[in-house]
Amino acid sequence: MIRSATDPQKLLARAREVLETESRAITGLIARLDQSFIRACEMILACQGHLIVTGMGKSGHIGHKLAATLASTGTPAFFVHSAEASHGDALASV
C-alpha cells in the first residue's frame, strides 16, 4: 500500500498530541504507586533463581520484552508461554 504525501504540519501536530496523551497517562500512574509496587520490587530483588515471566497474546509479547529487559539489566529471567507453562514443565527448566 502506498501512502499519499502527508502535510508536515499535520504530522507534527499529531505526534505532539500522541506524546501529550502518553505523558498524561504516565503522570496519572504516579498516584497509583503503593505498597504493592514495593512488594513486587522486593520479591524480584529477593529472587535467587530465574524470574519466569508468562503471558499469552498481547501480554505475552510484552512479557517477552520484559524478560529480555530484566535479563539485560542483571536479573536472570526468561519467558514461558502460558499455555506451555500449564503442561507442568515450567519448573523443570529452572
N, C-alpha and C. Protein backbone atom coordinates (compact mmCIF):
# COMPACT_ATOMS: atom_id res chain seq x y z
N MET A 1 0.84 -1.18 0.00
CA MET A 1 0.00 0.00 0.00
C MET A 1 0.88 1.25 0.00
N ILE A 2 0.66 2.13 -0.91
CA ILE A 2 1.42 3.37 -1.00
C ILE A 2 0.64 4.46 -0.28
N ARG A 3 1.30 5.13 0.64
CA ARG A 3 0.64 6.22 1.37
C ARG A 3 0.84 7.52 0.62
N SER A 4 -0.19 8.32 0.62
CA SER A 4 -0.08 9.62 -0.03
C SER A 4 0.73 10.57 0.85
N ALA A 5 1.23 11.60 0.25
CA ALA A 5 2.02 12.60 0.97
C ALA A 5 1.17 13.20 2.09
N THR A 6 1.79 13.40 3.23
CA THR A 6 1.10 13.96 4.38
C THR A 6 1.59 15.37 4.63
N ASP A 7 0.69 16.22 5.03
CA ASP A 7 1.04 17.59 5.38
C ASP A 7 1.97 17.54 6.60
N PRO A 8 3.19 18.06 6.49
CA PRO A 8 4.15 18.00 7.60
C PRO A 8 3.62 18.63 8.88
N GLN A 9 2.86 19.69 8.78
CA GLN A 9 2.31 20.34 9.98
C GLN A 9 1.29 19.46 10.67
N LYS A 10 0.48 18.74 9.89
CA LYS A 10 -0.49 17.82 10.49
C LYS A 10 0.23 16.66 11.16
N LEU A 11 1.29 16.22 10.54
CA LEU A 11 2.08 15.13 11.12
C LEU A 11 2.69 15.54 12.46
N LEU A 12 3.27 16.73 12.51
CA LEU A 12 3.83 17.23 13.77
C LEU A 12 2.75 17.42 14.82
N ALA A 13 1.60 17.94 14.42
CA ALA A 13 0.51 18.16 15.37
C ALA A 13 0.04 16.83 15.95
N ARG A 14 -0.06 15.83 15.13
CA ARG A 14 -0.50 14.51 15.59
C ARG A 14 0.55 13.90 16.53
N ALA A 15 1.81 14.02 16.18
CA ALA A 15 2.88 13.50 17.04
C ALA A 15 2.85 14.17 18.40
N ARG A 16 2.65 15.48 18.42
CA ARG A 16 2.58 16.20 19.70
C ARG A 16 1.37 15.75 20.51
N GLU A 17 0.25 15.54 19.83
CA GLU A 17 -0.97 15.08 20.50
C GLU A 17 -0.74 13.71 21.15
N VAL A 18 -0.11 12.81 20.43
CA VAL A 18 0.16 11.47 20.96
C VAL A 18 1.08 11.57 22.17
N LEU A 19 2.14 12.35 22.09
CA LEU A 19 3.07 12.48 23.21
C LEU A 19 2.41 13.12 24.43
N GLU A 20 1.54 14.10 24.22
CA GLU A 20 0.83 14.72 25.33
C GLU A 20 -0.12 13.71 25.99
N THR A 21 -0.79 12.91 25.19
CA THR A 21 -1.69 11.88 25.73
C THR A 21 -0.91 10.87 26.56
N GLU A 22 0.22 10.39 26.02
CA GLU A 22 1.04 9.43 26.74
C GLU A 22 1.62 10.04 28.01
N SER A 23 2.00 11.30 27.95
CA SER A 23 2.55 11.98 29.11
C SER A 23 1.52 12.05 30.24
N ARG A 24 0.28 12.36 29.90
CA ARG A 24 -0.79 12.41 30.91
C ARG A 24 -1.02 11.03 31.51
N ALA A 25 -0.97 10.01 30.68
CA ALA A 25 -1.19 8.64 31.17
C ALA A 25 -0.09 8.24 32.15
N ILE A 26 1.15 8.56 31.82
CA ILE A 26 2.27 8.21 32.70
C ILE A 26 2.19 9.01 34.00
N THR A 27 1.90 10.29 33.91
CA THR A 27 1.77 11.11 35.11
C THR A 27 0.65 10.60 36.01
N GLY A 28 -0.41 10.09 35.41
CA GLY A 28 -1.53 9.54 36.18
C GLY A 28 -1.15 8.30 36.98
N LEU A 29 -0.09 7.63 36.58
CA LEU A 29 0.34 6.43 37.30
C LEU A 29 1.03 6.75 38.63
N ILE A 30 1.53 7.95 38.77
CA ILE A 30 2.26 8.33 39.98
C ILE A 30 1.40 8.10 41.22
N ALA A 31 0.16 8.53 41.19
CA ALA A 31 -0.73 8.41 42.35
C ALA A 31 -1.10 6.95 42.64
N ARG A 32 -0.91 6.06 41.67
CA ARG A 32 -1.29 4.66 41.85
C ARG A 32 -0.18 3.81 42.47
N LEU A 33 1.03 4.38 42.59
CA LEU A 33 2.12 3.64 43.21
C LEU A 33 1.84 3.48 44.70
N ASP A 34 1.93 2.24 45.18
CA ASP A 34 1.66 1.99 46.60
C ASP A 34 2.51 0.81 47.07
N GLN A 35 2.13 0.23 48.19
CA GLN A 35 2.89 -0.86 48.79
C GLN A 35 3.00 -2.08 47.87
N SER A 36 2.04 -2.29 46.99
CA SER A 36 2.12 -3.45 46.11
C SER A 36 3.31 -3.32 45.15
N PHE A 37 3.63 -2.11 44.76
CA PHE A 37 4.81 -1.89 43.93
C PHE A 37 6.08 -2.25 44.70
N ILE A 38 6.14 -1.82 45.95
CA ILE A 38 7.29 -2.12 46.79
C ILE A 38 7.43 -3.63 46.98
N ARG A 39 6.30 -4.30 47.26
CA ARG A 39 6.34 -5.76 47.44
C ARG A 39 6.83 -6.47 46.18
N ALA A 40 6.35 -6.02 45.03
CA ALA A 40 6.78 -6.63 43.76
C ALA A 40 8.29 -6.45 43.57
N CYS A 41 8.79 -5.26 43.83
CA CYS A 41 10.23 -4.99 43.71
C CYS A 41 11.03 -5.85 44.67
N GLU A 42 10.55 -5.96 45.91
CA GLU A 42 11.25 -6.76 46.90
C GLU A 42 11.29 -8.24 46.50
N MET A 43 10.19 -8.75 45.95
CA MET A 43 10.16 -10.15 45.52
C MET A 43 11.13 -10.39 44.37
N ILE A 44 11.18 -9.46 43.43
CA ILE A 44 12.11 -9.60 42.31
C ILE A 44 13.55 -9.55 42.81
N LEU A 45 13.84 -8.61 43.68
CA LEU A 45 15.21 -8.47 44.20
C LEU A 45 15.63 -9.66 45.06
N ALA A 46 14.67 -10.30 45.72
CA ALA A 46 14.97 -11.45 46.58
C ALA A 46 15.07 -12.75 45.80
N CYS A 47 14.67 -12.75 44.56
CA CYS A 47 14.68 -13.97 43.74
C CYS A 47 16.11 -14.50 43.61
N GLN A 48 16.31 -15.77 43.97
CA GLN A 48 17.65 -16.36 43.91
C GLN A 48 17.86 -17.21 42.67
N GLY A 49 16.82 -17.43 41.91
CA GLY A 49 16.94 -18.20 40.68
C GLY A 49 16.60 -17.31 39.49
N HIS A 50 15.94 -17.90 38.55
CA HIS A 50 15.49 -17.15 37.38
C HIS A 50 14.06 -16.67 37.61
N LEU A 51 13.79 -15.48 37.14
CA LEU A 51 12.45 -14.93 37.19
C LEU A 51 11.72 -15.42 35.94
N ILE A 52 10.57 -16.03 36.12
CA ILE A 52 9.79 -16.52 34.99
C ILE A 52 8.69 -15.51 34.70
N VAL A 53 8.67 -15.03 33.48
CA VAL A 53 7.63 -14.10 33.03
C VAL A 53 6.72 -14.89 32.10
N THR A 54 5.42 -14.78 32.29
CA THR A 54 4.50 -15.55 31.48
C THR A 54 3.40 -14.66 30.92
N GLY A 55 2.79 -15.09 29.87
CA GLY A 55 1.70 -14.34 29.27
C GLY A 55 1.23 -15.02 28.01
N MET A 56 0.15 -14.49 27.46
CA MET A 56 -0.43 -15.04 26.25
C MET A 56 -1.02 -13.89 25.45
N GLY A 57 -0.88 -13.93 24.17
CA GLY A 57 -1.41 -12.85 23.34
C GLY A 57 -0.57 -11.59 23.52
N LYS A 58 -1.26 -10.45 23.65
CA LYS A 58 -0.53 -9.19 23.80
C LYS A 58 0.32 -9.18 25.06
N SER A 59 -0.21 -9.73 26.16
CA SER A 59 0.59 -9.77 27.39
C SER A 59 1.81 -10.66 27.20
N GLY A 60 1.71 -11.65 26.33
CA GLY A 60 2.86 -12.49 26.02
C GLY A 60 3.94 -11.72 25.29
N HIS A 61 3.53 -10.88 24.33
CA HIS A 61 4.50 -10.05 23.61
C HIS A 61 5.20 -9.10 24.59
N ILE A 62 4.43 -8.51 25.49
CA ILE A 62 5.00 -7.62 26.49
C ILE A 62 5.91 -8.41 27.44
N GLY A 63 5.48 -9.62 27.79
CA GLY A 63 6.27 -10.47 28.67
C GLY A 63 7.63 -10.82 28.08
N HIS A 64 7.65 -11.09 26.76
CA HIS A 64 8.93 -11.36 26.08
C HIS A 64 9.88 -10.17 26.27
N LYS A 65 9.36 -8.98 26.03
CA LYS A 65 10.19 -7.78 26.14
C LYS A 65 10.63 -7.55 27.59
N LEU A 66 9.72 -7.78 28.53
CA LEU A 66 10.05 -7.59 29.94
C LEU A 66 11.14 -8.56 30.37
N ALA A 67 11.00 -9.83 29.99
CA ALA A 67 12.02 -10.81 30.36
C ALA A 67 13.37 -10.44 29.76
N ALA A 68 13.38 -9.99 28.52
CA ALA A 68 14.63 -9.59 27.88
C ALA A 68 15.24 -8.38 28.58
N THR A 69 14.41 -7.42 28.95
CA THR A 69 14.91 -6.23 29.65
C THR A 69 15.48 -6.61 31.02
N LEU A 70 14.75 -7.44 31.76
CA LEU A 70 15.25 -7.87 33.07
C LEU A 70 16.58 -8.59 32.92
N ALA A 71 16.65 -9.51 31.97
CA ALA A 71 17.89 -10.27 31.77
C ALA A 71 19.05 -9.37 31.38
N SER A 72 18.78 -8.38 30.55
CA SER A 72 19.87 -7.50 30.10
C SER A 72 20.31 -6.50 31.16
N THR A 73 19.50 -6.36 32.22
CA THR A 73 19.88 -5.43 33.29
C THR A 73 20.31 -6.17 34.56
N GLY A 74 20.55 -7.48 34.43
CA GLY A 74 21.14 -8.21 35.54
C GLY A 74 20.22 -9.11 36.34
N THR A 75 18.95 -9.18 36.01
CA THR A 75 18.03 -10.09 36.69
C THR A 75 17.78 -11.28 35.78
N PRO A 76 18.31 -12.45 36.11
CA PRO A 76 18.10 -13.61 35.24
C PRO A 76 16.61 -13.89 35.07
N ALA A 77 16.14 -13.85 33.84
CA ALA A 77 14.72 -14.01 33.57
C ALA A 77 14.52 -14.63 32.20
N PHE A 78 13.41 -15.34 32.07
CA PHE A 78 13.03 -15.84 30.76
C PHE A 78 11.52 -15.89 30.66
N PHE A 79 11.04 -16.02 29.44
CA PHE A 79 9.61 -16.02 29.16
C PHE A 79 9.14 -17.44 28.91
N VAL A 80 7.99 -17.78 29.49
CA VAL A 80 7.32 -19.05 29.22
C VAL A 80 5.88 -18.73 28.82
N HIS A 81 5.47 -19.22 27.66
CA HIS A 81 4.10 -19.01 27.19
C HIS A 81 3.14 -19.67 28.17
N SER A 82 2.06 -19.01 28.49
CA SER A 82 1.10 -19.52 29.48
C SER A 82 0.60 -20.91 29.14
N ALA A 83 0.30 -21.17 27.89
CA ALA A 83 -0.20 -22.49 27.50
C ALA A 83 0.86 -23.56 27.72
N GLU A 84 2.12 -23.21 27.48
CA GLU A 84 3.19 -24.18 27.71
C GLU A 84 3.41 -24.40 29.20
N ALA A 85 3.30 -23.36 29.99
CA ALA A 85 3.51 -23.48 31.43
C ALA A 85 2.46 -24.38 32.06
N SER A 86 1.27 -24.41 31.50
CA SER A 86 0.19 -25.21 32.08
C SER A 86 0.43 -26.70 31.94
N HIS A 87 1.41 -27.12 31.14
CA HIS A 87 1.72 -28.54 30.98
C HIS A 87 2.57 -29.08 32.11
N GLY A 88 3.01 -28.20 33.02
CA GLY A 88 3.75 -28.64 34.18
C GLY A 88 5.25 -28.68 34.05
N ASP A 89 5.78 -28.27 32.90
CA ASP A 89 7.22 -28.32 32.70
C ASP A 89 7.92 -27.02 33.04
N ALA A 90 7.20 -26.03 33.49
CA ALA A 90 7.80 -24.72 33.74
C ALA A 90 8.91 -24.79 34.79
N LEU A 91 8.69 -25.49 35.86
CA LEU A 91 9.69 -25.55 36.91
C LEU A 91 10.81 -26.53 36.62
N ALA A 92 10.58 -27.45 35.70
CA ALA A 92 11.61 -28.43 35.36
C ALA A 92 12.80 -27.78 34.64
N SER A 93 12.56 -26.63 34.00
CA SER A 93 13.63 -25.99 33.24
C SER A 93 14.43 -24.99 34.05
N VAL A 94 14.04 -24.76 35.29
CA VAL A 94 14.73 -23.78 36.13
C VAL A 94 15.91 -24.39 36.81
